[in-house]
Structure formats: C-alpha cells, structure tokens
Amino acid sequence: MMMNTLNKRLCRLALPLILTAAPAAYGVENVTPLQPGATTGNAAGLLPPDGLYFTLNSSYETGSLRNEDGDKALTPGGSVKLKVVSTAASLLWVPGWEVLGARYGASVVQPQRVIRSRTNDGQAEHKDHYDGMLNTSITPVMLSWDLGRGLFVGFGAGVSLKNGKFEYRYSEAQGRNVIQGNSVANNFYIFQPNLAVTYLRDDWAFTVNNIFNFNTRNKTTEYQTGHLYYLDVTAAKTINNWTLGAIGNYTRQFRDDEIKGRKVAAVPGFHAQGKRTEYASLGPMIGYNFGDFSVSGRFLFALFAENDVDMSIFHLGITIPLK
C-alpha cells in the first residue's frame, strides 16, 4: 500500500515526460527540443496510473555563451547573453495496456519559446528579440517494467518532427543556405530514445534517466548536428502532499558538427573544431499535490559549459489528470 501511494504521489507531481521545451545545446546548428534537465524532478522509470494527463511547463533561462575552454565566448559581435522564456504543453496517455510485460504510454509535446539576446562589443550594446514554435515531439512508445522491490525500468522512443519556425537565406561566402537568426526550430528529424531507472523506498524516489539525441542531416543547409547524450538525475522525498529533492543534469555531445561532411572549423575564443557541447547543472526541486492537480518548481544552476550557453533554468509546472 505504501509503494502504491508513493507511486501515485510522485507520478501526479511530475509525469515522466520525455521531452519539454528548449533551448538546448549551442553546439548544434540551432537548438533541439530537449532542454538539459527537462526530465528532472520526476520518476521517469515508471508511468502514472491509467488515464490522460495534461501538463503545462514554463521556464525562465539566462546565461552567457561560453567557448571551448568554458570562458566567455568572444564572437565577432562581442559577448553574448541570452534570456529565454519557454513554454511546453503536453499530453500523456496511459491506456492500461501491457506490451512485452510492461505498462504502455504515449505522449506529445509542443514547445514554444521567446528569446531576448544582448550583444556587447565593448562600445555599444545590441539587443534582439524573437519567438516562435519549436519542433513537435512525439513519443509513441513509452514502456515501464515493475521489477519488484521498488525498482522500475522505463524505455521511451521519441521523435522530433520537421516543423516549427525556421527560415533560410543563401550565403555567398559559405556557398550554401544558412539559417536566419530568428529561426527557433530545425528542418530535420531528431530521434530521442531514453532508458530510465527509478528506485522507490520509504517515501524516497531515486531516478537516473539516460537520453540520446540522434540528429539527422539538414538537407537545406547541408549541416549535420552532432549526436547528444543527456543524463538527468533526481533524488526526492515525499512528505504528505509535499515533495522535496535535488536534481542535476549532465549533457555531452559525442559526435562533431559537420558541414558538407567536414568538421566545423574552430574559431579560437569562440568554439572548438566540431563545436562539441558539454554542460552540467545542479539544483533543488519542490512540489505539492493538491489532489485534482499538482504543481512543481525546479531550479538548475549552471556549473560549467563549453561550446554552449551556461544556462541557469527555473521551471514551474502544473499537471492535471483529465480522466
């Protein structure tokens, strides 16, 4: 009975959504729909009780662009600082089916973002603002195995579609199409499998979620974004209707970015050859279950970043069981 109660509390607090809003790694051509730390704060190895769930998650992010050494990057226009507001609406469906001995679920997530950038070249400050819809993410297969003794293993197979806001122009200098600065989405598919392990004991929940981004080639720009690995970790304690805990993320790009089959050239002080991203963050979480709905707050403080923006991120989410 205690295990079932904890299971329901944790799942209704923060559903195991595999994808939420970005921005993500700078080392990619544009952004990916998966935000570092997106799945922290939830028991991603298990699914909630059967039903349909709606979640709205908003986040505020701020940080500075970092180079290959983790120092502030010196772009041709000067240092760059970003402020981003992201929102993701999602549906999770758990119909009560069993597949391969596991409980089955499916989800769809639609992110949106607003970005404010500030560039300082030492003489003047330049500000920009743009927004738009990111790529829709669909996870048609979400499986959760109950191995007993409080141990759960979850697997998801998601895909990011080729939609959202993206615009191009032809660059004579580069001899190819390049994305416009106001683009917020990608014109290529991203496959996003994940493997999560959750352990429940004495009102504690410990979760490790391994997520991969396998990026296809953007045929319009001839740009191949390198593949990415995300590690999201959560340790949470449920006390009555409250849940308190610590969360963290580690992100690493394990394949170089390429243009026309060649590694992206290094720009000293800006980014390394191949633009491989590395990033880590750590912070607290808190949640409250009101019964008919639950709310959660999370904060991830950037520890370091290379070839990336050292984004510190505050999340606020609400989950409502629809039936």
C-alpha atoms as a PDB file:
ATOM      1  CA  MET A   1       0.000   0.000   0.000  1.00  0.00           C
ATOM      2  CA  MET A   2       2.853   2.406   0.848  1.00  0.00           C
ATOM      3  CA  MET A   3       4.504   1.695  -2.508  1.00  0.00           C
ATOM      4  CA  ASN A   4       1.270   2.329  -4.421  1.00  0.00           C
ATOM      5  CA  THR A   5       0.677   5.579  -2.536  1.00  0.00           C
ATOM      6  CA  LEU A   6       4.203   6.805  -3.226  1.00  0.00           C
ATOM      7  CA  ASN A   7       3.895   5.785  -6.866  1.00  0.00           C
ATOM      8  CA  LYS A   8       0.742   7.873  -7.334  1.00  0.00           C
ATOM      9  CA  ARG A   9       2.118  10.886  -5.459  1.00  0.00           C
ATOM     10  CA  LEU A  10       5.301  11.004  -7.456  1.00  0.00           C
ATOM     11  CA  CYS A  11       3.638  10.425 -10.805  1.00  0.00           C
ATOM     12  CA  ARG A  12       0.935  13.034 -10.279  1.00  0.00           C
ATOM     13  CA  LEU A  13       3.535  15.537  -9.127  1.00  0.00           C
ATOM     14  CA  ALA A  14       5.754  15.312 -12.174  1.00  0.00           C
ATOM     15  CA  LEU A  15       4.867  12.991 -15.036  1.00  0.00           C
ATOM     16  CA  PRO A  16       7.622  11.164 -16.878  1.00  0.00           C
ATOM     17  CA  LEU A  17       7.509  13.381 -19.932  1.00  0.00           C
ATOM     18  CA  ILE A  18      10.458  12.617 -22.117  1.00  0.00           C
ATOM     19  CA  LEU A  19      10.525  15.967 -23.875  1.00  0.00           C
ATOM     20  CA  THR A  20       9.900  19.577 -22.958  1.00  0.00           C
ATOM     21  CA  ALA A  21      10.826  22.997 -24.219  1.00  0.00           C
ATOM     22  CA  ALA A  22      14.315  24.164 -25.140  1.00  0.00           C
ATOM     23  CA  PRO A  23      16.718  25.928 -25.891  1.00  0.00           C
ATOM     24  CA  ALA A  24      19.281  23.214 -25.588  1.00  0.00           C
ATOM     25  CA  ALA A  25      22.840  22.892 -26.793  1.00  0.00           C
ATOM     26  CA  TYR A  26      24.569  25.787 -28.556  1.00  0.00           C
ATOM     27  CA  GLY A  27      26.959  23.344 -30.229  1.00  0.00           C
ATOM     28  CA  VAL A  28      24.186  22.221 -32.568  1.00  0.00           C
ATOM     29  CA  GLU A  29      23.144  24.085 -35.733  1.00  0.00           C
ATOM     30  CA  ASN A  30      20.208  25.727 -33.954  1.00  0.00           C
ATOM     31  CA  VAL A  31      18.518  24.094 -30.926  1.00  0.00           C
ATOM     32  CA  THR A  32      16.992  20.761 -30.032  1.00  0.00           C
ATOM     33  CA  PRO A  33      13.522  20.476 -28.469  1.00  0.00           C
ATOM     34  CA  LEU A  34      15.018  18.699 -25.455  1.00  0.00           C
ATOM     35  CA  GLN A  35      16.160  21.053 -22.720  1.00  0.00           C
ATOM     36  CA  PRO A  36      19.021  19.867 -20.475  1.00  0.00           C
ATOM     37  CA  GLY A  37      17.393  18.711 -17.236  1.00  0.00           C
ATOM     38  CA  ALA A  38      13.923  18.538 -18.797  1.00  0.00           C
ATOM     39  CA  THR A  39      13.057  15.214 -17.160  1.00  0.00           C
ATOM     40  CA  THR A  40      14.483  16.006 -13.723  1.00  0.00           C
ATOM     41  CA  GLY A  41      12.053  16.059 -10.818  1.00  0.00           C
ATOM     42  CA  ASN A  42      10.057  13.025 -11.867  1.00  0.00           C
ATOM     43  CA  ALA A  43      10.182   9.265 -11.571  1.00  0.00           C
ATOM     44  CA  ALA A  44      10.906   8.686 -15.261  1.00  0.00           C
ATOM     45  CA  GLY A  45      11.258   4.914 -14.823  1.00  0.00           C
ATOM     46  CA  LEU A  46       7.538   4.442 -14.154  1.00  0.00           C
ATOM     47  CA  LEU A  47       4.227   5.593 -15.578  1.00  0.00           C
ATOM     48  CA  PRO A  48       1.359   7.171 -13.597  1.00  0.00           C
ATOM     49  CA  PRO A  49      -1.975   5.401 -13.035  1.00  0.00           C
ATOM     50  CA  ASP A  50      -4.046   4.755 -16.172  1.00  0.00           C
ATOM     51  CA  GLY A  51      -5.571   7.914 -17.636  1.00  0.00           C
ATOM     52  CA  LEU A  52      -4.978  11.040 -19.700  1.00  0.00           C
ATOM     53  CA  TYR A  53      -2.790  13.810 -18.250  1.00  0.00           C
ATOM     54  CA  PHE A  54      -2.202  17.399 -19.332  1.00  0.00           C
ATOM     55  CA  THR A  55       0.955  19.241 -18.296  1.00  0.00           C
ATOM     56  CA  LEU A  56       1.945  22.861 -18.836  1.00  0.00           C
ATOM     57  CA  ASN A  57       5.566  23.655 -18.087  1.00  0.00           C
ATOM     58  CA  SER A  58       7.144  27.114 -18.254  1.00  0.00           C
ATOM     59  CA  SER A  59      10.765  28.009 -17.727  1.00  0.00           C
ATOM     60  CA  TYR A  60      12.945  31.091 -17.496  1.00  0.00           C
ATOM     61  CA  GLU A  61      16.561  30.702 -18.579  1.00  0.00           C
ATOM     62  CA  THR A  62      19.514  33.049 -18.572  1.00  0.00           C
ATOM     63  CA  GLY A  63      23.200  32.617 -19.339  1.00  0.00           C
ATOM     64  CA  SER A  64      26.240  33.657 -21.373  1.00  0.00           C
ATOM     65  CA  LEU A  65      27.825  31.972 -24.353  1.00  0.00           C
ATOM     66  CA  ARG A  66      30.955  30.000 -23.395  1.00  0.00           C
ATOM     67  CA  ASN A  67      33.846  28.924 -25.603  1.00  0.00           C
ATOM     68  CA  GLU A  68      35.829  25.674 -25.805  1.00  0.00           C
ATOM     69  CA  ASP A  69      37.600  26.462 -22.504  1.00  0.00           C
ATOM     70  CA  GLY A  70      34.456  27.435 -20.609  1.00  0.00           C
ATOM     71  CA  ASP A  71      35.315  31.152 -20.729  1.00  0.00           C
ATOM     72  CA  LYS A  72      33.001  33.829 -22.104  1.00  0.00           C
ATOM     73  CA  ALA A  73      32.991  33.461 -25.872  1.00  0.00           C
ATOM     74  CA  LEU A  74      34.238  36.355 -27.988  1.00  0.00           C
ATOM     75  CA  THR A  75      32.008  36.386 -31.044  1.00  0.00           C
ATOM     76  CA  PRO A  76      32.605  38.769 -33.962  1.00  0.00           C
ATOM     77  CA  GLY A  77      29.913  40.951 -32.382  1.00  0.00           C
ATOM     78  CA  GLY A  78      31.225  40.694 -28.821  1.00  0.00           C
ATOM     79  CA  SER A  79      29.998  38.770 -25.769  1.00  0.00           C
ATOM     80  CA  VAL A  80      26.502  37.272 -25.918  1.00  0.00           C
ATOM     81  CA  LYS A  81      23.958  36.946 -23.100  1.00  0.00           C
ATOM     82  CA  LEU A  82      20.577  35.263 -23.517  1.00  0.00           C
ATOM     83  CA  LYS A  83      17.276  35.404 -21.651  1.00  0.00           C
ATOM     84  CA  VAL A  84      14.700  32.831 -22.703  1.00  0.00           C
ATOM     85  CA  VAL A  85      11.114  32.088 -21.707  1.00  0.00           C
ATOM     86  CA  SER A  86       9.927  28.658 -22.842  1.00  0.00           C
ATOM     87  CA  THR A  87       6.525  27.002 -22.564  1.00  0.00           C
ATOM     88  CA  ALA A  88       5.602  23.406 -23.342  1.00  0.00           C
ATOM     89  CA  ALA A  89       2.093  21.933 -23.424  1.00  0.00           C
ATOM     90  CA  SER A  90       1.934  18.151 -23.316  1.00  0.00           C
ATOM     91  CA  LEU A  91      -0.450  15.212 -23.162  1.00  0.00           C
ATOM     92  CA  LEU A  92       0.398  11.824 -21.680  1.00  0.00           C
ATOM     93  CA  TRP A  93      -1.892   8.848 -22.356  1.00  0.00           C
ATOM     94  CA  VAL A  94      -1.684   5.684 -20.251  1.00  0.00           C
ATOM     95  CA  PRO A  95      -4.440   3.351 -21.566  1.00  0.00           C
ATOM     96  CA  GLY A  96      -3.847   0.370 -19.276  1.00  0.00           C
ATOM     97  CA  TRP A  97      -2.256  -1.809 -21.951  1.00  0.00           C
ATOM     98  CA  GLU A  98       0.650  -4.214 -21.427  1.00  0.00           C
ATOM     99  CA  VAL A  99       3.417  -4.583 -24.008  1.00  0.00           C
ATOM    100  CA  LEU A 100       6.286  -7.044 -23.504  1.00  0.00           C
ATOM    101  CA  GLY A 101       5.333  -7.291 -19.833  1.00  0.00           C
ATOM    102  CA  ALA A 102       5.500  -3.510 -19.385  1.00  0.00           C
ATOM    103  CA  ARG A 103       2.840  -0.838 -18.905  1.00  0.00           C
ATOM    104  CA  TYR A 104       2.388   1.270 -22.042  1.00  0.00           C
ATOM    105  CA  GLY A 105       2.032   5.012 -22.558  1.00  0.00           C
ATOM    106  CA  ALA A 106       2.391   7.661 -25.277  1.00  0.00           C
ATOM    107  CA  SER A 107       2.942  11.419 -25.224  1.00  0.00           C
ATOM    108  CA  VAL A 108       3.040  14.515 -27.410  1.00  0.00           C
ATOM    109  CA  VAL A 109       4.731  17.801 -26.513  1.00  0.00           C
ATOM    110  CA  GLN A 110       4.536  21.189 -28.232  1.00  0.00           C
ATOM    111  CA  PRO A 111       7.172  23.738 -27.095  1.00  0.00           C
ATOM    112  CA  GLN A 112       7.212  27.487 -27.730  1.00  0.00           C
ATOM    113  CA  ARG A 113       9.920  29.987 -26.828  1.00  0.00           C
ATOM    114  CA  VAL A 114      10.690  33.691 -26.633  1.00  0.00           C
ATOM    115  CA  ILE A 115      14.344  34.780 -26.772  1.00  0.00           C
ATOM    116  CA  ARG A 116      15.984  38.073 -25.867  1.00  0.00           C
ATOM    117  CA  SER A 117      19.655  38.388 -26.752  1.00  0.00           C
ATOM    118  CA  ARG A 118      22.157  41.074 -25.785  1.00  0.00           C
ATOM    119  CA  THR A 119      25.488  41.509 -27.542  1.00  0.00           C
ATOM    120  CA  ASN A 120      28.176  43.811 -26.175  1.00  0.00           C
ATOM    121  CA  ASP A 121      31.160  44.655 -28.386  1.00  0.00           C
ATOM    122  CA  GLY A 122      32.776  46.922 -25.783  1.00  0.00           C
ATOM    123  CA  GLN A 123      31.478  50.091 -27.405  1.00  0.00           C
ATOM    124  CA  ALA A 124      27.748  49.564 -27.667  1.00  0.00           C
ATOM    125  CA  GLU A 125      25.075  47.100 -26.657  1.00  0.00           C
ATOM    126  CA  HIS A 126      22.791  45.481 -29.215  1.00  0.00           C
ATOM    127  CA  LYS A 127      19.501  43.829 -28.278  1.00  0.00           C
ATOM    128  CA  ASP A 128      17.326  41.440 -30.263  1.00  0.00           C
ATOM    129  CA  HIS A 129      14.029  39.672 -29.683  1.00  0.00           C
ATOM    130  CA  TYR A 130      12.386  36.771 -31.490  1.00  0.00           C
ATOM    131  CA  ASP A 131       9.962  33.949 -30.781  1.00  0.00           C
ATOM    132  CA  GLY A 132       8.216  31.009 -32.387  1.00  0.00           C
ATOM    133  CA  MET A 133       7.114  27.416 -32.215  1.00  0.00           C
ATOM    134  CA  LEU A 134       9.706  24.684 -31.780  1.00  0.00           C
ATOM    135  CA  ASN A 135       9.512  21.204 -33.264  1.00  0.00           C
ATOM    136  CA  THR A 136       6.674  18.994 -32.060  1.00  0.00           C
ATOM    137  CA  SER A 137       7.937  15.961 -30.133  1.00  0.00           C
ATOM    138  CA  ILE A 138       6.022  12.679 -30.196  1.00  0.00           C
ATOM    139  CA  THR A 139       6.798   9.629 -28.088  1.00  0.00           C
ATOM    140  CA  PRO A 140       4.558   6.821 -29.410  1.00  0.00           C
ATOM    141  CA  VAL A 141       6.243   4.179 -27.257  1.00  0.00           C
ATOM    142  CA  MET A 142       6.746   4.574 -23.502  1.00  0.00           C
ATOM    143  CA  LEU A 143       7.223   1.336 -21.554  1.00  0.00           C
ATOM    144  CA  SER A 144       7.629   0.783 -17.815  1.00  0.00           C
ATOM    145  CA  TRP A 145       8.606  -2.502 -16.178  1.00  0.00           C
ATOM    146  CA  ASP A 146       7.988  -3.146 -12.471  1.00  0.00           C
ATOM    147  CA  LEU A 147      10.906  -5.366 -11.410  1.00  0.00           C
ATOM    148  CA  GLY A 148       9.743  -5.593  -7.801  1.00  0.00           C
ATOM    149  CA  ARG A 149      11.258  -4.363  -4.531  1.00  0.00           C
ATOM    150  CA  GLY A 150      10.635  -0.773  -5.618  1.00  0.00           C
ATOM    151  CA  LEU A 151      12.716  -0.991  -8.794  1.00  0.00           C
ATOM    152  CA  PHE A 152      11.300   0.260 -12.116  1.00  0.00           C
ATOM    153  CA  VAL A 153      12.845   0.496 -15.582  1.00  0.00           C
ATOM    154  CA  GLY A 154      11.428   2.753 -18.288  1.00  0.00           C
ATOM    155  CA  PHE A 155      12.104   2.976 -22.015  1.00  0.00           C
ATOM    156  CA  GLY A 156      10.906   5.602 -24.478  1.00  0.00           C
ATOM    157  CA  ALA A 157      11.246   6.031 -28.236  1.00  0.00           C
ATOM    158  CA  GLY A 158      10.558   9.617 -29.272  1.00  0.00           C
ATOM    159  CA  VAL A 159      10.930  11.670 -32.430  1.00  0.00           C
ATOM    160  CA  SER A 160      11.092  15.411 -33.062  1.00  0.00           C
ATOM    161  CA  LEU A 161       9.229  16.370 -36.242  1.00  0.00           C
ATOM    162  CA  LYS A 162      10.342  18.741 -39.016  1.00  0.00           C
ATOM    163  CA  ASN A 163       8.005  21.582 -38.123  1.00  0.00           C
ATOM    164  CA  GLY A 164       8.177  24.851 -36.225  1.00  0.00           C
ATOM    165  CA  LYS A 165       9.664  28.211 -37.191  1.00  0.00           C
ATOM    166  CA  PHE A 166      12.759  28.104 -39.395  1.00  0.00           C
ATOM    167  CA  GLU A 167      13.895  30.442 -42.184  1.00  0.00           C
ATOM    168  CA  TYR A 168      16.904  30.417 -44.510  1.00  0.00           C
ATOM    169  CA  ARG A 169      18.966  32.671 -46.747  1.00  0.00           C
ATOM    170  CA  TYR A 170      21.697  31.849 -49.231  1.00  0.00           C
ATOM    171  CA  SER A 171      25.231  32.817 -48.140  1.00  0.00           C
ATOM    172  CA  GLU A 172      27.651  33.593 -50.966  1.00  0.00           C
ATOM    173  CA  ALA A 173      30.574  33.390 -48.538  1.00  0.00           C
ATOM    174  CA  GLN A 174      29.681  29.866 -47.406  1.00  0.00           C
ATOM    175  CA  GLY A 175      28.233  28.689 -50.695  1.00  0.00           C
ATOM    176  CA  ARG A 176      25.137  27.215 -49.070  1.00  0.00           C
ATOM    177  CA  ASN A 177      21.874  28.057 -47.362  1.00  0.00           C
ATOM    178  CA  VAL A 178      22.214  29.134 -43.718  1.00  0.00           C
ATOM    179  CA  ILE A 179      19.551  29.535 -41.064  1.00  0.00           C
ATOM    180  CA  GLN A 180      18.286  33.007 -40.239  1.00  0.00           C
ATOM    181  CA  GLY A 181      18.886  34.389 -36.760  1.00  0.00           C
ATOM    182  CA  ASN A 182      15.174  34.420 -35.948  1.00  0.00           C
ATOM    183  CA  SER A 183      14.742  30.682 -36.559  1.00  0.00           C
ATOM    184  CA  VAL A 184      13.829  28.696 -33.455  1.00  0.00           C
ATOM    185  CA  ALA A 185      13.223  25.207 -34.879  1.00  0.00           C
ATOM    186  CA  ASN A 186      15.031  22.626 -37.022  1.00  0.00           C
ATOM    187  CA  ASN A 187      14.324  21.381 -40.526  1.00  0.00           C
ATOM    188  CA  PHE A 188      15.407  17.822 -39.731  1.00  0.00           C
ATOM    189  CA  TYR A 189      14.209  14.858 -37.694  1.00  0.00           C
ATOM    190  CA  ILE A 190      15.644  14.029 -34.276  1.00  0.00           C
ATOM    191  CA  PHE A 191      15.269  10.544 -32.787  1.00  0.00           C
ATOM    192  CA  GLN A 192      15.228  10.530 -28.983  1.00  0.00           C
ATOM    193  CA  PRO A 193      15.354   7.172 -27.168  1.00  0.00           C
ATOM    194  CA  ASN A 194      15.728   7.053 -23.397  1.00  0.00           C
ATOM    195  CA  LEU A 195      16.362   4.479 -20.686  1.00  0.00           C
ATOM    196  CA  ALA A 196      15.441   5.342 -17.084  1.00  0.00           C
ATOM    197  CA  VAL A 197      15.772   3.559 -13.749  1.00  0.00           C
ATOM    198  CA  THR A 198      13.684   4.555 -10.714  1.00  0.00           C
ATOM    199  CA  TYR A 199      14.022   3.141  -7.205  1.00  0.00           C
ATOM    200  CA  LEU A 200      11.322   3.807  -4.583  1.00  0.00           C
ATOM    201  CA  ARG A 201      11.877   3.213  -0.871  1.00  0.00           C
ATOM    202  CA  ASP A 202      10.435   4.718   2.337  1.00  0.00           C
ATOM    203  CA  ASP A 203       8.877   7.718   0.539  1.00  0.00           C
ATOM    204  CA  TRP A 204      12.138   8.346  -1.321  1.00  0.00           C
ATOM    205  CA  ALA A 205      12.499   8.205  -5.102  1.00  0.00           C
ATOM    206  CA  PHE A 206      15.829   7.989  -6.911  1.00  0.00           C
ATOM    207  CA  THR A 207      15.867   8.281 -10.707  1.00  0.00           C
ATOM    208  CA  VAL A 208      18.557   8.171 -13.369  1.00  0.00           C
ATOM    209  CA  ASN A 209      17.380   8.943 -16.910  1.00  0.00           C
ATOM    210  CA  ASN A 210      19.678   8.422 -19.916  1.00  0.00           C
ATOM    211  CA  ILE A 211      18.526  10.252 -23.049  1.00  0.00           C
ATOM    212  CA  PHE A 212      20.038  10.350 -26.530  1.00  0.00           C
ATOM    213  CA  ASN A 213      19.543  12.763 -29.424  1.00  0.00           C
ATOM    214  CA  PHE A 214      20.313  11.189 -32.804  1.00  0.00           C
ATOM    215  CA  ASN A 215      20.118  14.057 -35.280  1.00  0.00           C
ATOM    216  CA  THR A 216      19.518  13.623 -38.991  1.00  0.00           C
ATOM    217  CA  ARG A 217      21.129  15.873 -41.592  1.00  0.00           C
ATOM    218  CA  ASN A 218      19.611  19.213 -42.551  1.00  0.00           C
ATOM    219  CA  LYS A 219      19.459  18.819 -46.324  1.00  0.00           C
ATOM    220  CA  THR A 220      18.681  22.506 -46.864  1.00  0.00           C
ATOM    221  CA  THR A 221      21.854  23.762 -45.145  1.00  0.00           C
ATOM    222  CA  GLU A 222      23.987  20.602 -45.574  1.00  0.00           C
ATOM    223  CA  TYR A 223      24.653  20.795 -41.815  1.00  0.00           C
ATOM    224  CA  GLN A 224      24.911  17.666 -39.663  1.00  0.00           C
ATOM    225  CA  THR A 225      24.375  18.352 -35.972  1.00  0.00           C
ATOM    226  CA  GLY A 226      26.371  16.040 -33.723  1.00  0.00           C
ATOM    227  CA  HIS A 227      24.566  13.492 -31.570  1.00  0.00           C
ATOM    228  CA  LEU A 228      23.973  14.316 -27.883  1.00  0.00           C
ATOM    229  CA  TYR A 229      23.700  12.462 -24.576  1.00  0.00           C
ATOM    230  CA  TYR A 230      21.747  13.777 -21.571  1.00  0.00           C
ATOM    231  CA  LEU A 231      21.885  12.412 -18.033  1.00  0.00           C
ATOM    232  CA  ASP A 232      19.093  13.613 -15.730  1.00  0.00           C
ATOM    233  CA  VAL A 233      19.200  12.600 -12.052  1.00  0.00           C
ATOM    234  CA  THR A 234      16.660  13.108  -9.267  1.00  0.00           C
ATOM    235  CA  ALA A 235      16.569  12.312  -5.539  1.00  0.00           C
ATOM    236  CA  ALA A 236      13.206  13.243  -3.989  1.00  0.00           C
ATOM    237  CA  LYS A 237      11.438  12.747  -0.654  1.00  0.00           C
ATOM    238  CA  THR A 238       7.625  12.803  -0.330  1.00  0.00           C
ATOM    239  CA  ILE A 239       6.233  14.159   2.956  1.00  0.00           C
ATOM    240  CA  ASN A 240       2.423  14.100   2.983  1.00  0.00           C
ATOM    241  CA  ASN A 241       1.487  16.178  -0.087  1.00  0.00           C
ATOM    242  CA  TRP A 242       4.905  17.791  -0.387  1.00  0.00           C
ATOM    243  CA  THR A 243       7.860  16.541  -2.410  1.00  0.00           C
ATOM    244  CA  LEU A 244      11.356  17.957  -1.879  1.00  0.00           C
ATOM    245  CA  GLY A 245      14.554  16.966  -3.581  1.00  0.00           C
ATOM    246  CA  ALA A 246      17.740  17.606  -5.517  1.00  0.00           C
ATOM    247  CA  ILE A 247      18.161  17.408  -9.285  1.00  0.00           C
ATOM    248  CA  GLY A 248      21.012  17.554 -11.773  1.00  0.00           C
ATOM    249  CA  ASN A 249      21.916  17.279 -15.434  1.00  0.00           C
ATOM    250  CA  TYR A 250      24.998  16.428 -17.468  1.00  0.00           C
ATOM    251  CA  THR A 251      24.960  16.975 -21.240  1.00  0.00           C
ATOM    252  CA  ARG A 252      27.664  15.937 -23.682  1.00  0.00           C
ATOM    253  CA  GLN A 253      27.866  15.952 -27.464  1.00  0.00           C
ATOM    254  CA  PHE A 254      29.598  12.789 -28.683  1.00  0.00           C
ATOM    255  CA  ARG A 255      29.799  13.490 -32.420  1.00  0.00           C
ATOM    256  CA  ASP A 256      31.180  16.568 -34.176  1.00  0.00           C
ATOM    257  CA  ASP A 257      29.053  19.057 -36.068  1.00  0.00           C
ATOM    258  CA  GLU A 258      29.776  18.816 -39.801  1.00  0.00           C
ATOM    259  CA  ILE A 259      29.136  20.928 -42.885  1.00  0.00           C
ATOM    260  CA  LYS A 260      29.162  19.064 -46.205  1.00  0.00           C
ATOM    261  CA  GLY A 261      30.766  16.086 -44.459  1.00  0.00           C
ATOM    262  CA  ARG A 262      33.626  18.058 -42.872  1.00  0.00           C
ATOM    263  CA  LYS A 263      34.055  19.049 -39.233  1.00  0.00           C
ATOM    264  CA  VAL A 264      33.032  22.604 -38.427  1.00  0.00           C
ATOM    265  CA  ALA A 265      36.250  24.626 -38.270  1.00  0.00           C
ATOM    266  CA  ALA A 266      37.460  26.007 -34.955  1.00  0.00           C
ATOM    267  CA  VAL A 267      37.214  29.718 -34.173  1.00  0.00           C
ATOM    268  CA  PRO A 268      39.664  30.403 -31.296  1.00  0.00           C
ATOM    269  CA  GLY A 269      37.968  32.092 -28.373  1.00  0.00           C
ATOM    270  CA  PHE A 270      34.555  31.265 -29.841  1.00  0.00           C
ATOM    271  CA  HIS A 271      34.260  27.481 -30.293  1.00  0.00           C
ATOM    272  CA  ALA A 272      36.404  24.393 -30.850  1.00  0.00           C
ATOM    273  CA  GLN A 273      36.583  22.318 -34.022  1.00  0.00           C
ATOM    274  CA  GLY A 274      33.399  20.281 -34.298  1.00  0.00           C
ATOM    275  CA  LYS A 275      31.628  22.514 -31.718  1.00  0.00           C
ATOM    276  CA  ARG A 276      31.112  19.653 -29.259  1.00  0.00           C
ATOM    277  CA  THR A 277      28.906  20.804 -26.379  1.00  0.00           C
ATOM    278  CA  GLU A 278      29.417  19.955 -22.704  1.00  0.00           C
ATOM    279  CA  TYR A 279      27.262  21.274 -19.872  1.00  0.00           C
ATOM    280  CA  ALA A 280      26.367  20.477 -16.249  1.00  0.00           C
ATOM    281  CA  SER A 281      23.854  21.877 -13.753  1.00  0.00           C
ATOM    282  CA  LEU A 282      22.567  21.170 -10.241  1.00  0.00           C
ATOM    283  CA  GLY A 283      19.749  22.462  -8.048  1.00  0.00           C
ATOM    284  CA  PRO A 284      16.678  21.914  -5.812  1.00  0.00           C
ATOM    285  CA  MET A 285      13.069  20.981  -6.542  1.00  0.00           C
ATOM    286  CA  ILE A 286       9.770  21.306  -4.671  1.00  0.00           C
ATOM    287  CA  GLY A 287       6.255  20.125  -5.451  1.00  0.00           C
ATOM    288  CA  TYR A 288       2.778  19.963  -3.948  1.00  0.00           C
ATOM    289  CA  ASN A 289      -0.096  17.616  -4.784  1.00  0.00           C
ATOM    290  CA  PHE A 290      -3.496  19.314  -4.393  1.00  0.00           C
ATOM    291  CA  GLY A 291      -5.376  16.146  -5.328  1.00  0.00           C
ATOM    292  CA  ASP A 292      -7.086  17.342  -8.512  1.00  0.00           C
ATOM    293  CA  PHE A 293      -3.803  18.744  -9.808  1.00  0.00           C
ATOM    294  CA  SER A 294      -0.172  19.109  -8.799  1.00  0.00           C
ATOM    295  CA  VAL A 295       2.427  21.854  -9.154  1.00  0.00           C
ATOM    296  CA  SER A 296       6.201  21.750  -9.108  1.00  0.00           C
ATOM    297  CA  GLY A 297       9.120  24.157  -9.134  1.00  0.00           C
ATOM    298  CA  ARG A 298      12.705  23.342 -10.117  1.00  0.00           C
ATOM    299  CA  PHE A 299      15.898  25.364 -10.364  1.00  0.00           C
ATOM    300  CA  LEU A 300      19.033  24.230 -12.178  1.00  0.00           C
ATOM    301  CA  PHE A 301      22.170  26.325 -11.647  1.00  0.00           C
ATOM    302  CA  ALA A 302      24.770  26.013 -14.406  1.00  0.00           C
ATOM    303  CA  LEU A 303      28.056  24.602 -13.079  1.00  0.00           C
ATOM    304  CA  PHE A 304      30.005  24.868 -16.334  1.00  0.00           C
ATOM    305  CA  ALA A 305      29.546  24.922 -20.096  1.00  0.00           C
ATOM    306  CA  GLU A 306      31.821  24.516 -23.115  1.00  0.00           C
ATOM    307  CA  ASN A 307      30.812  25.467 -26.672  1.00  0.00           C
ATOM    308  CA  ASP A 308      27.427  26.213 -25.137  1.00  0.00           C
ATOM    309  CA  VAL A 309      25.400  28.730 -23.150  1.00  0.00           C
ATOM    310  CA  ASP A 310      25.780  28.313 -19.373  1.00  0.00           C
ATOM    311  CA  MET A 311      22.015  28.439 -18.872  1.00  0.00           C
ATOM    312  CA  SER A 312      20.612  28.536 -15.335  1.00  0.00           C
ATOM    313  CA  ILE A 313      16.979  27.456 -15.551  1.00  0.00           C
ATOM    314  CA  PHE A 314      13.893  27.935 -13.363  1.00  0.00           C
ATOM    315  CA  HIS A 315      10.934  25.651 -14.110  1.00  0.00           C
ATOM    316  CA  LEU A 316       7.319  25.964 -12.994  1.00  0.00           C
ATOM    317  CA  GLY A 317       4.873  23.226 -13.977  1.00  0.00           C
ATOM    318  CA  ILE A 318       1.290  22.111 -13.413  1.00  0.00           C
ATOM    319  CA  THR A 319      -0.142  18.658 -14.132  1.00  0.00           C
ATOM    320  CA  ILE A 320      -3.873  17.934 -14.383  1.00  0.00           C
ATOM    321  CA  PRO A 321      -5.352  14.422 -14.731  1.00  0.00           C
ATOM    322  CA  LEU A 322      -8.101  14.783 -17.363  1.00  0.00           C
ATOM    323  CA  LYS A 323      -9.706  11.404 -16.725  1.00  0.00           C
END
